[in-house]
Amino acid sequence: MDSKGIKLSQVSKSRIDNIISHLEHYVPKDPRPFVVKLSLMHGIENYSVTSELPSELSSGAWDMGSIINGNDYLLAKHLIINELQEEVEDEKIIRDHMKRFIELGVAHISSLLESDDDIFEEEFLIKLLSA
């Protein structure tokens, strides 16, 4: 399984591009998958399965493709199942929660960047890792 078919909002797409511009010197060759996976894990860590999406994040304008696949997808799936505290057979439920966590994670990471106009990338990384 993979993340193909999960559509993120245009707001999150723009935020991801902005985050990439701050991290591109510190991450692997293709930073987009790294930022999306980081946002997913950040969302799972900082939000619950009942967290509501703001209305501007509920649309699905950008199909992110197979960015999350293989063991990364399996790990995220099991972390979501653990958060739900119940067995899930329907892959759509996993994908819906995955979208929610990515959207919320992107919003939170973006807010770290917006909190200080003169933030240096190193300071941002410290804030991100300690949030």
N, C-alpha and C. Protein backbone atom coordinates (compact mmCIF):
# COMPACT_ATOMS: atom_id res chain seq x y z
N MET A 1 0.84 -1.18 0.00
CA MET A 1 0.00 0.00 0.00
C MET A 1 0.88 1.24 0.00
N ASP A 2 0.27 2.34 -0.44
CA ASP A 2 0.96 3.62 -0.41
C ASP A 2 -0.04 4.76 -0.29
N SER A 3 0.47 5.96 -0.30
CA SER A 3 -0.37 7.14 -0.07
C SER A 3 -1.05 7.65 -1.34
N LYS A 4 -0.91 6.93 -2.44
CA LYS A 4 -1.54 7.36 -3.69
C LYS A 4 -3.05 7.52 -3.49
N GLY A 5 -3.57 8.66 -3.89
CA GLY A 5 -4.99 8.92 -3.74
C GLY A 5 -5.32 9.84 -2.57
N ILE A 6 -4.36 10.07 -1.68
CA ILE A 6 -4.58 11.02 -0.59
C ILE A 6 -4.36 12.42 -1.16
N LYS A 7 -5.37 13.25 -1.03
CA LYS A 7 -5.30 14.60 -1.58
C LYS A 7 -5.26 15.62 -0.45
N LEU A 8 -4.20 16.40 -0.46
CA LEU A 8 -4.02 17.45 0.53
C LEU A 8 -4.58 18.77 -0.01
N SER A 9 -4.84 19.68 0.89
CA SER A 9 -5.35 20.99 0.50
C SER A 9 -4.26 21.80 -0.22
N GLN A 10 -4.68 22.78 -0.99
CA GLN A 10 -3.73 23.67 -1.66
C GLN A 10 -2.96 24.49 -0.63
N VAL A 11 -3.61 24.82 0.49
CA VAL A 11 -2.94 25.55 1.57
C VAL A 11 -1.76 24.72 2.08
N SER A 12 -1.97 23.43 2.31
CA SER A 12 -0.88 22.58 2.80
C SER A 12 0.21 22.42 1.75
N LYS A 13 -0.16 22.32 0.49
CA LYS A 13 0.82 22.23 -0.59
C LYS A 13 1.74 23.45 -0.56
N SER A 14 1.16 24.64 -0.42
CA SER A 14 1.96 25.88 -0.36
C SER A 14 2.85 25.89 0.88
N ARG A 15 2.29 25.44 2.00
CA ARG A 15 3.07 25.39 3.24
C ARG A 15 4.23 24.40 3.12
N ILE A 16 3.98 23.27 2.49
CA ILE A 16 5.04 22.27 2.28
C ILE A 16 6.17 22.89 1.45
N ASP A 17 5.81 23.61 0.38
CA ASP A 17 6.82 24.26 -0.45
C ASP A 17 7.63 25.26 0.37
N ASN A 18 6.98 25.99 1.27
CA ASN A 18 7.67 26.96 2.12
C ASN A 18 8.61 26.24 3.10
N ILE A 19 8.13 25.16 3.69
CA ILE A 19 8.97 24.39 4.61
C ILE A 19 10.19 23.84 3.87
N ILE A 20 9.97 23.35 2.67
CA ILE A 20 11.08 22.82 1.85
C ILE A 20 12.13 23.90 1.63
N SER A 21 11.69 25.12 1.37
CA SER A 21 12.66 26.19 1.11
C SER A 21 13.54 26.46 2.33
N HIS A 22 13.05 26.16 3.53
CA HIS A 22 13.84 26.33 4.75
C HIS A 22 14.70 25.12 5.08
N LEU A 23 14.32 23.96 4.57
CA LEU A 23 15.03 22.73 4.94
C LEU A 23 15.86 22.10 3.84
N GLU A 24 15.78 22.62 2.62
CA GLU A 24 16.36 21.91 1.49
C GLU A 24 17.87 21.67 1.62
N HIS A 25 18.56 22.45 2.42
CA HIS A 25 20.01 22.25 2.59
C HIS A 25 20.33 21.19 3.63
N TYR A 26 19.32 20.75 4.37
CA TYR A 26 19.56 19.84 5.49
C TYR A 26 18.94 18.46 5.30
N VAL A 27 18.23 18.26 4.22
CA VAL A 27 17.51 17.00 4.04
C VAL A 27 17.99 16.28 2.78
N PRO A 28 17.53 15.06 2.57
CA PRO A 28 17.97 14.29 1.40
C PRO A 28 17.69 15.00 0.08
N LYS A 29 18.15 14.37 -0.97
CA LYS A 29 18.08 14.92 -2.33
C LYS A 29 16.69 15.44 -2.69
N ASP A 30 15.66 14.68 -2.42
CA ASP A 30 14.29 15.10 -2.72
C ASP A 30 13.59 15.42 -1.41
N PRO A 31 13.47 16.69 -1.05
CA PRO A 31 12.96 17.05 0.27
C PRO A 31 11.45 16.87 0.45
N ARG A 32 10.67 16.83 -0.64
CA ARG A 32 9.21 16.75 -0.51
C ARG A 32 8.75 15.51 0.26
N PRO A 33 9.20 14.30 -0.09
CA PRO A 33 8.78 13.14 0.71
C PRO A 33 9.21 13.25 2.17
N PHE A 34 10.39 13.78 2.41
CA PHE A 34 10.87 13.96 3.79
C PHE A 34 9.94 14.87 4.56
N VAL A 35 9.55 16.01 3.97
CA VAL A 35 8.70 16.98 4.66
C VAL A 35 7.30 16.40 4.89
N VAL A 36 6.76 15.68 3.93
CA VAL A 36 5.43 15.07 4.09
C VAL A 36 5.46 14.02 5.20
N LYS A 37 6.48 13.18 5.21
CA LYS A 37 6.59 12.14 6.24
C LYS A 37 6.82 12.77 7.61
N LEU A 38 7.66 13.80 7.66
CA LEU A 38 7.89 14.51 8.90
C LEU A 38 6.59 15.13 9.42
N SER A 39 5.81 15.70 8.52
CA SER A 39 4.52 16.30 8.89
C SER A 39 3.56 15.25 9.41
N LEU A 40 3.54 14.09 8.78
CA LEU A 40 2.68 13.00 9.24
C LEU A 40 3.05 12.58 10.65
N MET A 41 4.33 12.35 10.88
CA MET A 41 4.76 11.92 12.21
C MET A 41 4.54 13.03 13.25
N HIS A 42 4.75 14.27 12.84
CA HIS A 42 4.52 15.40 13.74
C HIS A 42 3.03 15.50 14.08
N GLY A 43 2.18 15.25 13.09
CA GLY A 43 0.74 15.27 13.32
C GLY A 43 0.30 14.16 14.26
N ILE A 44 0.81 12.97 14.06
CA ILE A 44 0.47 11.84 14.93
C ILE A 44 0.92 12.12 16.36
N GLU A 45 2.09 12.71 16.50
CA GLU A 45 2.64 12.99 17.83
C GLU A 45 1.87 14.08 18.57
N ASN A 46 1.40 15.09 17.86
CA ASN A 46 0.85 16.28 18.51
C ASN A 46 -0.67 16.41 18.46
N TYR A 47 -1.35 15.53 17.75
CA TYR A 47 -2.80 15.63 17.62
C TYR A 47 -3.43 14.27 17.88
N SER A 48 -4.74 14.27 18.07
CA SER A 48 -5.45 13.01 18.29
C SER A 48 -6.31 12.68 17.07
N VAL A 49 -6.84 11.48 17.06
CA VAL A 49 -7.68 11.07 15.93
C VAL A 49 -8.99 11.85 15.88
N THR A 50 -9.33 12.54 16.97
CA THR A 50 -10.56 13.33 17.00
C THR A 50 -10.31 14.81 16.68
N SER A 51 -9.06 15.18 16.44
CA SER A 51 -8.75 16.58 16.11
C SER A 51 -9.44 16.96 14.81
N GLU A 52 -10.09 18.10 14.84
CA GLU A 52 -10.81 18.59 13.66
C GLU A 52 -9.89 19.37 12.74
N LEU A 53 -10.14 19.23 11.44
CA LEU A 53 -9.41 20.02 10.46
C LEU A 53 -10.09 21.37 10.27
N PRO A 54 -9.32 22.45 10.26
CA PRO A 54 -9.92 23.73 9.89
C PRO A 54 -10.48 23.64 8.46
N SER A 55 -11.49 24.41 8.17
CA SER A 55 -12.18 24.30 6.87
C SER A 55 -11.24 24.51 5.68
N GLU A 56 -10.23 25.39 5.82
CA GLU A 56 -9.33 25.62 4.68
C GLU A 56 -8.43 24.42 4.39
N LEU A 57 -8.38 23.46 5.31
CA LEU A 57 -7.56 22.27 5.10
C LEU A 57 -8.38 21.04 4.72
N SER A 58 -9.67 21.19 4.62
CA SER A 58 -10.51 20.02 4.37
C SER A 58 -10.63 19.66 2.89
N SER A 59 -10.32 20.58 2.00
CA SER A 59 -10.43 20.27 0.57
C SER A 59 -9.29 19.35 0.15
N GLY A 60 -9.43 18.75 -0.99
CA GLY A 60 -8.40 17.86 -1.52
C GLY A 60 -7.97 18.31 -2.90
N ALA A 61 -7.07 19.28 -2.96
CA ALA A 61 -6.68 19.87 -4.23
C ALA A 61 -5.40 19.28 -4.81
N TRP A 62 -4.55 18.71 -3.97
CA TRP A 62 -3.26 18.22 -4.43
C TRP A 62 -3.10 16.75 -4.10
N ASP A 63 -3.04 15.93 -5.14
CA ASP A 63 -2.80 14.49 -4.96
C ASP A 63 -1.30 14.30 -4.77
N MET A 64 -0.91 13.92 -3.57
CA MET A 64 0.51 13.83 -3.26
C MET A 64 1.18 12.59 -3.85
N GLY A 65 0.41 11.70 -4.42
CA GLY A 65 0.99 10.52 -5.04
C GLY A 65 1.49 9.50 -4.03
N SER A 66 2.47 8.72 -4.44
CA SER A 66 2.99 7.62 -3.61
C SER A 66 4.17 8.04 -2.76
N ILE A 67 4.09 9.21 -2.17
CA ILE A 67 5.19 9.73 -1.35
C ILE A 67 5.47 8.82 -0.15
N ILE A 68 4.40 8.31 0.46
CA ILE A 68 4.56 7.43 1.62
C ILE A 68 4.25 6.01 1.15
N ASN A 69 5.25 5.15 1.18
CA ASN A 69 5.04 3.78 0.69
C ASN A 69 5.89 2.79 1.47
N GLY A 70 5.70 1.55 1.18
CA GLY A 70 6.50 0.50 1.81
C GLY A 70 6.42 0.50 3.32
N ASN A 71 7.59 0.39 3.95
CA ASN A 71 7.65 0.33 5.41
C ASN A 71 7.20 1.63 6.07
N ASP A 72 7.42 2.76 5.39
CA ASP A 72 6.96 4.04 5.94
C ASP A 72 5.44 4.06 6.05
N TYR A 73 4.76 3.56 5.03
CA TYR A 73 3.30 3.51 5.05
C TYR A 73 2.82 2.54 6.14
N LEU A 74 3.47 1.40 6.20
CA LEU A 74 3.09 0.39 7.19
C LEU A 74 3.27 0.92 8.61
N LEU A 75 4.37 1.61 8.86
CA LEU A 75 4.61 2.21 10.18
C LEU A 75 3.52 3.23 10.51
N ALA A 76 3.23 4.13 9.56
CA ALA A 76 2.20 5.15 9.80
C ALA A 76 0.85 4.50 10.03
N LYS A 77 0.54 3.47 9.27
CA LYS A 77 -0.74 2.77 9.42
C LYS A 77 -0.87 2.19 10.83
N HIS A 78 0.18 1.57 11.32
CA HIS A 78 0.11 0.96 12.65
C HIS A 78 0.11 2.01 13.76
N LEU A 79 0.77 3.12 13.54
CA LEU A 79 0.70 4.21 14.53
C LEU A 79 -0.72 4.76 14.60
N ILE A 80 -1.38 4.87 13.45
CA ILE A 80 -2.77 5.34 13.42
C ILE A 80 -3.69 4.34 14.09
N ILE A 81 -3.51 3.05 13.79
CA ILE A 81 -4.31 2.00 14.44
C ILE A 81 -4.11 2.05 15.95
N ASN A 82 -2.87 2.28 16.38
CA ASN A 82 -2.58 2.40 17.81
C ASN A 82 -3.31 3.59 18.41
N GLU A 83 -3.35 4.70 17.69
CA GLU A 83 -4.08 5.89 18.17
C GLU A 83 -5.58 5.61 18.25
N LEU A 84 -6.11 4.88 17.29
CA LEU A 84 -7.54 4.55 17.28
C LEU A 84 -7.89 3.54 18.37
N GLN A 85 -6.92 2.73 18.76
CA GLN A 85 -7.09 1.67 19.74
C GLN A 85 -8.15 0.66 19.33
N GLU A 86 -8.17 0.37 18.04
CA GLU A 86 -9.06 -0.66 17.51
C GLU A 86 -8.52 -1.14 16.17
N GLU A 87 -8.85 -2.34 15.81
CA GLU A 87 -8.42 -2.91 14.54
C GLU A 87 -9.19 -2.25 13.41
N VAL A 88 -8.50 -1.94 12.33
CA VAL A 88 -9.13 -1.27 11.19
C VAL A 88 -8.88 -2.11 9.94
N GLU A 89 -9.97 -2.50 9.30
CA GLU A 89 -9.87 -3.28 8.06
C GLU A 89 -9.96 -2.38 6.82
N ASP A 90 -10.68 -1.28 6.94
CA ASP A 90 -10.94 -0.40 5.81
C ASP A 90 -9.77 0.57 5.61
N GLU A 91 -9.10 0.44 4.49
CA GLU A 91 -7.94 1.28 4.19
C GLU A 91 -8.32 2.75 4.03
N LYS A 92 -9.56 3.03 3.67
CA LYS A 92 -10.03 4.42 3.53
C LYS A 92 -9.97 5.14 4.88
N ILE A 93 -10.29 4.45 5.95
CA ILE A 93 -10.22 5.06 7.28
C ILE A 93 -8.78 5.45 7.61
N ILE A 94 -7.85 4.58 7.29
CA ILE A 94 -6.43 4.87 7.51
C ILE A 94 -6.02 6.09 6.70
N ARG A 95 -6.40 6.12 5.43
CA ARG A 95 -6.04 7.24 4.55
C ARG A 95 -6.65 8.56 5.03
N ASP A 96 -7.89 8.50 5.51
CA ASP A 96 -8.54 9.72 6.02
C ASP A 96 -7.79 10.27 7.24
N HIS A 97 -7.39 9.37 8.13
CA HIS A 97 -6.63 9.81 9.30
C HIS A 97 -5.23 10.27 8.90
N MET A 98 -4.64 9.60 7.92
CA MET A 98 -3.33 9.99 7.44
C MET A 98 -3.38 11.42 6.88
N LYS A 99 -4.41 11.70 6.09
CA LYS A 99 -4.59 13.05 5.54
C LYS A 99 -4.72 14.06 6.68
N ARG A 100 -5.55 13.76 7.66
CA ARG A 100 -5.77 14.67 8.79
C ARG A 100 -4.45 14.95 9.51
N PHE A 101 -3.70 13.90 9.81
CA PHE A 101 -2.45 14.09 10.53
C PHE A 101 -1.42 14.87 9.71
N ILE A 102 -1.36 14.61 8.41
CA ILE A 102 -0.42 15.36 7.56
C ILE A 102 -0.81 16.83 7.54
N GLU A 103 -2.09 17.11 7.30
CA GLU A 103 -2.57 18.50 7.23
C GLU A 103 -2.27 19.23 8.54
N LEU A 104 -2.58 18.61 9.68
CA LEU A 104 -2.34 19.24 10.97
C LEU A 104 -0.85 19.39 11.26
N GLY A 105 -0.07 18.38 10.89
CA GLY A 105 1.38 18.45 11.08
C GLY A 105 2.01 19.56 10.25
N VAL A 106 1.59 19.68 9.00
CA VAL A 106 2.09 20.75 8.13
C VAL A 106 1.74 22.11 8.72
N ALA A 107 0.49 22.26 9.18
CA ALA A 107 0.06 23.53 9.76
C ALA A 107 0.90 23.89 10.99
N HIS A 108 1.18 22.90 11.83
CA HIS A 108 1.96 23.16 13.04
C HIS A 108 3.41 23.51 12.70
N ILE A 109 4.01 22.78 11.80
CA ILE A 109 5.39 23.07 11.40
C ILE A 109 5.46 24.45 10.75
N SER A 110 4.48 24.76 9.93
CA SER A 110 4.43 26.08 9.29
C SER A 110 4.30 27.19 10.32
N SER A 111 3.51 26.94 11.35
CA SER A 111 3.36 27.97 12.41
C SER A 111 4.67 28.21 13.14
N LEU A 112 5.52 27.19 13.26
CA LEU A 112 6.84 27.38 13.86
C LEU A 112 7.67 28.34 13.02
N LEU A 113 7.56 28.21 11.71
CA LEU A 113 8.29 29.12 10.81
C LEU A 113 7.75 30.54 10.90
N GLU A 114 6.43 30.67 10.97
CA GLU A 114 5.80 31.98 10.97
C GLU A 114 5.94 32.69 12.31
N SER A 115 6.31 31.97 13.36
CA SER A 115 6.38 32.57 14.68
C SER A 115 7.53 33.56 14.82
N ASP A 116 8.50 33.49 13.92
CA ASP A 116 9.64 34.40 13.99
C ASP A 116 10.10 34.71 12.58
N ASP A 117 9.94 35.97 12.17
CA ASP A 117 10.29 36.36 10.81
C ASP A 117 11.79 36.22 10.52
N ASP A 118 12.63 36.39 11.54
CA ASP A 118 14.07 36.36 11.34
C ASP A 118 14.70 35.03 11.74
N ILE A 119 13.89 33.98 11.72
CA ILE A 119 14.39 32.69 12.18
C ILE A 119 15.42 32.12 11.20
N PHE A 120 16.48 31.60 11.74
CA PHE A 120 17.48 30.93 10.93
C PHE A 120 17.10 29.46 10.85
N GLU A 121 17.54 28.81 9.79
CA GLU A 121 17.18 27.41 9.60
C GLU A 121 17.60 26.55 10.78
N GLU A 122 18.76 26.83 11.35
CA GLU A 122 19.23 26.04 12.49
C GLU A 122 18.28 26.20 13.68
N GLU A 123 17.83 27.42 13.92
CA GLU A 123 16.89 27.67 15.01
C GLU A 123 15.56 26.97 14.74
N PHE A 124 15.13 27.00 13.48
CA PHE A 124 13.90 26.32 13.11
C PHE A 124 14.01 24.82 13.37
N LEU A 125 15.14 24.23 13.00
CA LEU A 125 15.33 22.80 13.22
C LEU A 125 15.29 22.47 14.71
N ILE A 126 15.87 23.31 15.53
CA ILE A 126 15.84 23.08 16.98
C ILE A 126 14.41 23.17 17.49
N LYS A 127 13.66 24.19 17.04
CA LYS A 127 12.26 24.32 17.45
C LYS A 127 11.45 23.12 16.99
N LEU A 128 11.68 22.69 15.77
CA LEU A 128 10.93 21.56 15.21
C LEU A 128 11.20 20.29 16.00
N LEU A 129 12.43 20.03 16.31
CA LEU A 129 12.79 18.79 17.01
C LEU A 129 12.37 18.81 18.47
N SER A 130 12.18 19.99 19.04
CA SER A 130 11.78 20.05 20.44
C SER A 130 10.29 20.28 20.61
N ALA A 131 9.54 20.47 19.53
CA ALA A 131 8.09 20.71 19.62
C ALA A 131 7.33 19.44 19.92
